[in-house]
Amino acid sequence: LPVRGRDEVASLARSFNDVLDDLETSQSLQRQLVADASHELRTPLTTLRTNIEVLGRGHDLSAEERDRIVADLTGQLEDLTDLVGDLVDLARDESVDVVLEPLRLDEIAQEVVARAQRQRPGLRFDLRAVPTSVTAAPARVDRALSNLVDNAAKWSPPGGTVRVVVTESALSV
């Protein structure tokens, strides 16, 4: 609303404009959350679908291949369950206590790269990591690194290489 003067009506108009601005910001944040959640869910769901289709045609699979796919599915379902739990916490709009703990970034990178290799067998993954300790929330570090590796894999050409480097002072993908 246009604001003119300094009287009570002008003050009310300013307050109303502030409320509208806050509402617009809130809606923008909600749209971003939905977009981020969609992005986060798309990859594990696609991978689950692919693995289930492979199992469905599994008469040609060896016992070892079948066991590997089932292990992948189990890990992917655990990741998806964690993600949905995080989304439910966000939707409740409750503050979530983040527990920081000492962890080995190089070991998390190794797990993330191993998952990515299973999900994208047409790419090469090159991990160079030195033992690196940090204090952080393990699930959040895992998710952040998984997103970086997934995006690098998604935009790599077929047969390309995704390089992950962990040093004592930096992480790069």
Protein backbone atom coordinates (compact mmCIF):
# COMPACT_ATOMS: atom_id res chain seq x y z
CA LEU A 1 0.00 0.00 0.00
CA PRO A 2 1.22 3.52 -0.64
CA VAL A 3 2.20 5.23 2.60
CA ARG A 4 1.73 8.96 3.02
CA GLY A 5 2.21 10.92 6.19
CA ARG A 6 2.91 9.92 9.76
CA ASP A 7 -0.56 9.46 11.19
CA GLU A 8 -2.24 6.27 12.43
CA VAL A 9 -3.46 5.30 8.95
CA ALA A 10 0.09 5.61 7.56
CA SER A 11 1.40 3.54 10.48
CA LEU A 12 -1.24 0.90 9.80
CA ALA A 13 -0.32 0.85 6.09
CA ARG A 14 3.38 0.40 6.97
CA SER A 15 2.50 -2.47 9.33
CA PHE A 16 0.31 -4.09 6.69
CA ASN A 17 3.15 -3.77 4.13
CA ASP A 18 5.54 -5.41 6.60
CA VAL A 19 3.14 -8.32 7.08
CA LEU A 20 2.81 -8.75 3.30
CA ASP A 21 6.61 -8.71 2.93
CA ASP A 22 6.95 -11.36 5.64
CA LEU A 23 4.27 -13.48 3.98
CA GLU A 24 6.01 -13.24 0.62
CA THR A 25 9.32 -14.27 2.20
CA SER A 26 7.65 -17.21 3.94
CA GLN A 27 6.03 -18.40 0.70
CA SER A 28 9.34 -18.09 -1.12
CA LEU A 29 11.07 -20.18 1.55
CA GLN A 30 8.31 -22.80 1.34
CA ARG A 31 8.68 -23.01 -2.45
CA GLN A 32 12.45 -23.41 -2.04
CA LEU A 33 11.94 -26.16 0.56
CA VAL A 34 9.62 -28.06 -1.79
CA ALA A 35 12.10 -27.67 -4.66
CA ASP A 36 14.99 -28.84 -2.48
CA ALA A 37 12.99 -31.78 -1.12
CA SER A 38 11.99 -32.80 -4.65
CA HIS A 39 15.63 -32.70 -5.72
CA GLU A 40 16.71 -34.71 -2.67
CA LEU A 41 14.03 -37.38 -3.24
CA ARG A 42 14.36 -37.75 -7.01
CA THR A 43 17.74 -39.52 -7.09
CA PRO A 44 17.10 -42.18 -4.43
CA LEU A 45 13.65 -42.93 -5.85
CA THR A 46 15.06 -43.32 -9.37
CA THR A 47 17.81 -45.59 -8.11
CA LEU A 48 15.33 -47.67 -6.10
CA ARG A 49 13.11 -48.05 -9.16
CA THR A 50 16.05 -49.14 -11.33
CA ASN A 51 17.27 -51.70 -8.82
CA ILE A 52 13.78 -53.11 -8.31
CA GLU A 53 13.34 -53.43 -12.10
CA VAL A 54 16.67 -55.27 -12.32
CA LEU A 55 15.58 -57.62 -9.55
CA GLY A 56 12.27 -58.13 -11.34
CA ARG A 57 14.13 -59.38 -14.40
CA GLY A 58 16.50 -61.22 -12.08
CA HIS A 59 16.39 -64.68 -13.59
CA ASP A 60 19.76 -63.87 -15.22
CA LEU A 61 21.35 -62.56 -12.00
CA SER A 62 23.90 -64.49 -10.04
CA ALA A 63 23.40 -64.86 -6.30
CA GLU A 64 26.26 -62.38 -5.77
CA GLU A 65 24.66 -59.76 -8.05
CA ARG A 66 21.28 -60.25 -6.38
CA ASP A 67 22.85 -59.86 -2.91
CA ARG A 68 24.64 -56.67 -4.04
CA ILE A 69 21.40 -55.16 -5.37
CA VAL A 70 19.50 -56.05 -2.19
CA ALA A 71 22.28 -54.45 -0.10
CA ASP A 72 22.07 -51.33 -2.30
CA LEU A 73 18.29 -51.22 -1.90
CA THR A 74 18.59 -51.52 1.87
CA GLY A 75 21.10 -48.67 2.04
CA GLN A 76 19.01 -46.50 -0.26
CA LEU A 77 15.88 -47.12 1.82
CA GLU A 78 17.79 -46.13 4.97
CA ASP A 79 18.95 -42.91 3.29
CA LEU A 80 15.41 -42.19 2.09
CA THR A 81 13.99 -42.86 5.56
CA ASP A 82 16.50 -40.41 7.10
CA LEU A 83 15.64 -37.78 4.50
CA VAL A 84 11.90 -38.13 5.04
CA GLY A 85 12.47 -37.90 8.80
CA ASP A 86 14.40 -34.66 8.31
CA LEU A 87 11.61 -33.28 6.11
CA VAL A 88 8.97 -34.18 8.72
CA ASP A 89 11.03 -32.37 11.38
CA LEU A 90 11.22 -29.29 9.15
CA ALA A 91 7.50 -29.41 8.41
CA ARG A 92 6.70 -29.48 12.11
CA ASP A 93 8.60 -26.21 12.39
CA GLU A 94 10.20 -27.39 15.60
CA SER A 95 13.77 -26.57 16.36
CA VAL A 96 15.88 -29.66 15.90
CA ASP A 97 18.92 -30.00 18.10
CA VAL A 98 21.90 -30.68 15.90
CA VAL A 99 24.35 -33.00 17.59
CA LEU A 100 27.92 -32.28 16.65
CA GLU A 101 30.43 -35.04 17.09
CA PRO A 102 33.95 -35.86 16.02
CA LEU A 103 34.01 -37.72 12.74
CA ARG A 104 36.37 -38.72 9.99
CA LEU A 105 35.62 -36.78 6.82
CA ASP A 106 37.78 -39.11 4.74
CA GLU A 107 35.70 -42.13 5.89
CA ILE A 108 32.42 -40.38 5.06
CA ALA A 109 33.84 -39.48 1.63
CA GLN A 110 34.77 -43.13 1.10
CA GLU A 111 31.20 -44.26 1.91
CA VAL A 112 29.65 -41.56 -0.32
CA VAL A 113 31.92 -42.47 -3.24
CA ALA A 114 31.17 -46.19 -2.79
CA ARG A 115 27.42 -45.46 -2.95
CA ALA A 116 27.89 -43.26 -6.01
CA GLN A 117 29.88 -45.99 -7.76
CA ARG A 118 27.05 -48.47 -7.20
CA GLN A 119 24.47 -45.98 -8.47
CA ARG A 120 26.45 -44.81 -11.51
CA PRO A 121 28.51 -47.70 -12.85
CA GLY A 122 29.16 -45.87 -16.14
CA LEU A 123 31.38 -43.30 -14.43
CA ARG A 124 34.79 -43.48 -12.84
CA PHE A 125 35.21 -42.15 -9.31
CA ASP A 126 38.62 -41.07 -8.09
CA LEU A 127 38.91 -40.55 -4.31
CA ARG A 128 42.04 -39.04 -2.83
CA ALA A 129 41.67 -38.62 0.89
CA VAL A 130 43.97 -38.21 3.84
CA PRO A 131 42.75 -38.97 7.36
CA THR A 132 40.83 -35.85 8.36
CA SER A 133 38.94 -35.31 11.61
CA VAL A 134 36.22 -32.69 11.96
CA THR A 135 33.44 -31.93 14.42
CA ALA A 136 30.09 -31.84 12.66
CA ALA A 137 26.65 -33.43 12.33
CA PRO A 138 27.41 -36.72 10.52
CA ALA A 139 24.09 -37.00 8.63
CA ARG A 140 24.35 -33.43 7.37
CA VAL A 141 27.95 -33.86 6.22
CA ASP A 142 27.00 -37.10 4.47
CA ARG A 143 24.02 -35.45 2.75
CA ALA A 144 26.02 -32.40 1.67
CA LEU A 145 28.85 -34.49 0.24
CA SER A 146 26.36 -36.87 -1.40
CA ASN A 147 24.68 -33.90 -3.10
CA LEU A 148 28.00 -32.62 -4.41
CA VAL A 149 29.06 -36.03 -5.72
CA ASP A 150 25.60 -36.70 -7.19
CA ASN A 151 25.58 -33.35 -9.02
CA ALA A 152 29.11 -33.93 -10.32
CA ALA A 153 28.08 -37.39 -11.56
CA LYS A 154 24.86 -36.09 -13.09
CA TRP A 155 26.72 -33.48 -15.15
CA SER A 156 29.70 -35.65 -16.11
CA PRO A 157 29.82 -37.07 -19.62
CA PRO A 158 29.36 -40.85 -20.04
CA GLY A 159 32.59 -42.55 -19.06
CA GLY A 160 33.75 -39.40 -17.25
CA THR A 161 35.54 -39.14 -13.93
CA VAL A 162 34.32 -37.60 -10.71
CA ARG A 163 37.26 -36.67 -8.50
CA VAL A 164 36.80 -36.24 -4.75
CA VAL A 165 39.72 -34.86 -2.73
CA VAL A 166 39.84 -34.60 1.05
CA THR A 167 42.80 -32.88 2.65
CA GLU A 168 43.30 -31.61 6.18
CA SER A 169 42.10 -28.17 5.12
CA ALA A 170 39.74 -28.68 2.18
CA LEU A 171 37.25 -30.91 0.44
CA SER A 172 36.68 -30.65 -3.30
CA VAL A 173 34.52 -32.48 -5.82
